[in-house]
N, C-alpha and C. Protein backbone atom coordinates (compact mmCIF):
# COMPACT_ATOMS: atom_id res chain seq x y z
N MET A 1 74.85 131.13 117.26
CA MET A 1 74.38 129.99 116.83
C MET A 1 75.49 128.61 118.19
N ASN A 2 76.49 129.65 118.53
CA ASN A 2 77.42 128.50 118.91
C ASN A 2 76.98 128.00 120.20
N ASP A 3 75.93 128.71 120.75
CA ASP A 3 75.05 127.90 122.52
C ASP A 3 73.47 127.29 121.97
N TRP A 4 73.64 126.90 120.62
CA TRP A 4 72.22 126.28 120.25
C TRP A 4 72.58 124.84 121.12
N THR A 5 71.89 124.34 121.75
CA THR A 5 72.27 122.76 121.68
C THR A 5 71.82 122.27 120.86
N TYR A 6 71.00 122.17 120.10
CA TYR A 6 70.48 121.12 119.19
C TYR A 6 70.95 121.46 117.50
N SER A 7 71.71 122.28 117.40
CA SER A 7 72.24 123.22 116.41
C SER A 7 73.28 122.22 115.68
N SER A 8 72.93 121.68 114.20
CA SER A 8 74.05 121.14 113.62
C SER A 8 74.99 121.84 113.00
N TYR A 9 75.42 123.64 113.63
CA TYR A 9 76.48 124.45 112.97
C TYR A 9 77.30 123.92 113.16
N GLN A 10 78.09 123.69 114.05
CA GLN A 10 78.98 122.88 114.46
C GLN A 10 79.95 122.08 113.82
N THR A 11 78.60 121.16 113.04
CA THR A 11 79.12 119.79 112.40
C THR A 11 79.35 120.20 111.19
N TYR A 12 78.75 121.09 110.76
CA TYR A 12 79.30 121.59 108.98
C TYR A 12 80.85 122.18 109.53
N LEU A 13 81.17 122.53 110.03
CA LEU A 13 82.60 123.19 110.59
C LEU A 13 83.23 122.31 110.86
N THR A 14 83.23 121.19 111.09
CA THR A 14 84.27 120.57 111.60
C THR A 14 85.05 119.84 110.28
N ASP A 15 86.22 118.95 110.54
CA ASP A 15 86.84 118.28 109.51
C ASP A 15 86.54 116.71 110.04
N LYS A 16 85.71 116.22 111.15
CA LYS A 16 85.83 115.12 111.84
C LYS A 16 84.53 114.26 110.60
N LYS A 17 84.63 113.09 110.50
CA LYS A 17 83.61 112.65 109.64
C LYS A 17 82.24 112.40 110.09
N THR A 18 81.15 112.97 109.73
CA THR A 18 79.63 113.01 110.30
C THR A 18 78.79 112.38 109.62
N LYS A 19 77.67 112.08 109.48
CA LYS A 19 76.96 112.04 109.10
C LYS A 19 75.90 112.83 108.29
N VAL A 20 75.96 113.85 108.46
CA VAL A 20 75.19 115.39 107.53
C VAL A 20 76.40 115.50 106.25
N ALA A 21 75.39 115.99 105.32
CA ALA A 21 75.97 115.90 103.88
C ALA A 21 76.68 117.24 103.78
N LYS A 22 77.88 117.73 104.70
CA LYS A 22 78.55 118.98 104.61
C LYS A 22 79.01 119.29 103.46
N GLU A 23 79.66 118.49 102.45
CA GLU A 23 80.06 118.91 101.23
C GLU A 23 78.89 119.75 100.34
N LYS A 24 77.73 119.00 100.08
CA LYS A 24 76.37 119.60 100.24
C LYS A 24 75.91 120.94 100.23
N VAL A 25 75.78 121.05 101.63
CA VAL A 25 75.18 122.03 102.49
C VAL A 25 76.62 123.59 101.92
N LEU A 26 77.71 122.79 102.25
CA LEU A 26 78.61 124.19 101.85
C LEU A 26 79.06 124.50 100.98
N ASN A 27 78.62 123.75 99.85
CA ASN A 27 78.37 124.39 98.21
C ASN A 27 77.28 125.18 97.69
N TRP A 28 75.99 125.02 98.86
CA TRP A 28 75.07 125.80 98.66
C TRP A 28 75.36 127.24 99.08
N PHE A 29 76.40 127.18 99.79
CA PHE A 29 76.61 128.93 100.46
C PHE A 29 78.35 129.07 99.84
N GLY A 30 78.68 128.34 98.60
CA GLY A 30 79.67 128.28 97.75
C GLY A 30 81.28 128.19 99.02
N ASN A 31 81.19 128.31 99.97
CA ASN A 31 82.57 128.00 100.90
C ASN A 31 82.00 128.27 102.24
N THR A 32 82.89 127.66 103.24
CA THR A 32 82.66 127.43 104.54
C THR A 32 82.76 129.13 105.32
N LYS A 33 83.64 130.17 104.58
CA LYS A 33 83.53 131.25 104.79
C LYS A 33 82.19 132.10 104.92
N GLU A 34 81.63 131.65 103.64
CA GLU A 34 79.69 132.45 103.53
C GLU A 34 79.31 131.79 104.08
N PHE A 35 79.07 130.46 104.57
CA PHE A 35 78.30 129.48 105.47
C PHE A 35 77.89 130.47 106.81
N LYS A 36 79.35 130.25 107.37
CA LYS A 36 79.42 131.31 108.41
C LYS A 36 78.93 132.65 108.16
N ASN A 37 79.39 133.23 107.25
CA ASN A 37 78.85 134.68 107.08
C ASN A 37 77.64 134.97 107.27
N PHE A 38 76.72 134.00 106.61
CA PHE A 38 75.53 133.90 106.43
C PHE A 38 74.42 133.83 107.79
N HIS A 39 75.33 132.67 108.36
CA HIS A 39 74.75 132.88 110.12
C HIS A 39 75.08 133.53 110.91
N THR A 40 76.00 134.53 110.57
CA THR A 40 76.31 135.22 111.81
C THR A 40 75.48 136.80 111.53
N ARG A 41 74.58 136.80 110.34
CA ARG A 41 74.24 138.22 110.16
C ARG A 41 73.04 138.51 110.80
N GLU A 42 72.86 139.91 111.29
CA GLU A 42 71.92 140.22 111.85
C GLU A 42 70.28 139.52 111.61
N LYS A 43 70.21 139.69 110.53
CA LYS A 43 69.03 139.85 109.72
C LYS A 43 69.22 138.60 108.40
N PHE A 44 68.23 137.94 108.80
CA PHE A 44 68.18 136.70 107.47
C PHE A 44 67.32 138.16 106.37
N ASP A 45 67.81 137.65 105.06
CA ASP A 45 66.85 137.43 104.04
C ASP A 45 66.44 136.32 103.79
N THR A 46 64.95 136.54 104.06
CA THR A 46 63.94 135.15 103.56
C THR A 46 63.74 134.74 102.34
N SER A 47 64.40 135.73 101.60
CA SER A 47 63.72 135.57 99.72
C SER A 47 65.72 134.68 99.50
N PHE A 48 66.00 133.97 100.57
CA PHE A 48 67.41 133.36 100.19
C PHE A 48 67.20 132.52 99.13
N ASP A 49 67.23 131.86 98.03
CA ASP A 49 67.10 130.48 97.64
C ASP A 49 68.13 129.65 97.52
N LEU A 50 67.94 128.63 98.29
CA LEU A 50 68.34 127.33 97.69
C LEU A 50 68.45 126.59 97.00
């Protein structure tokens, strides 16, 4: 995830003010730790329902 040129992944992890809805998205995952865990899994579960 860190090497994707056009990814907003790092934007969700920063404390800086941004234009993305960080709190809303992180709340989908419960917290920052779960957001990171989801995005670093080897295989994505396509049945994940946001």
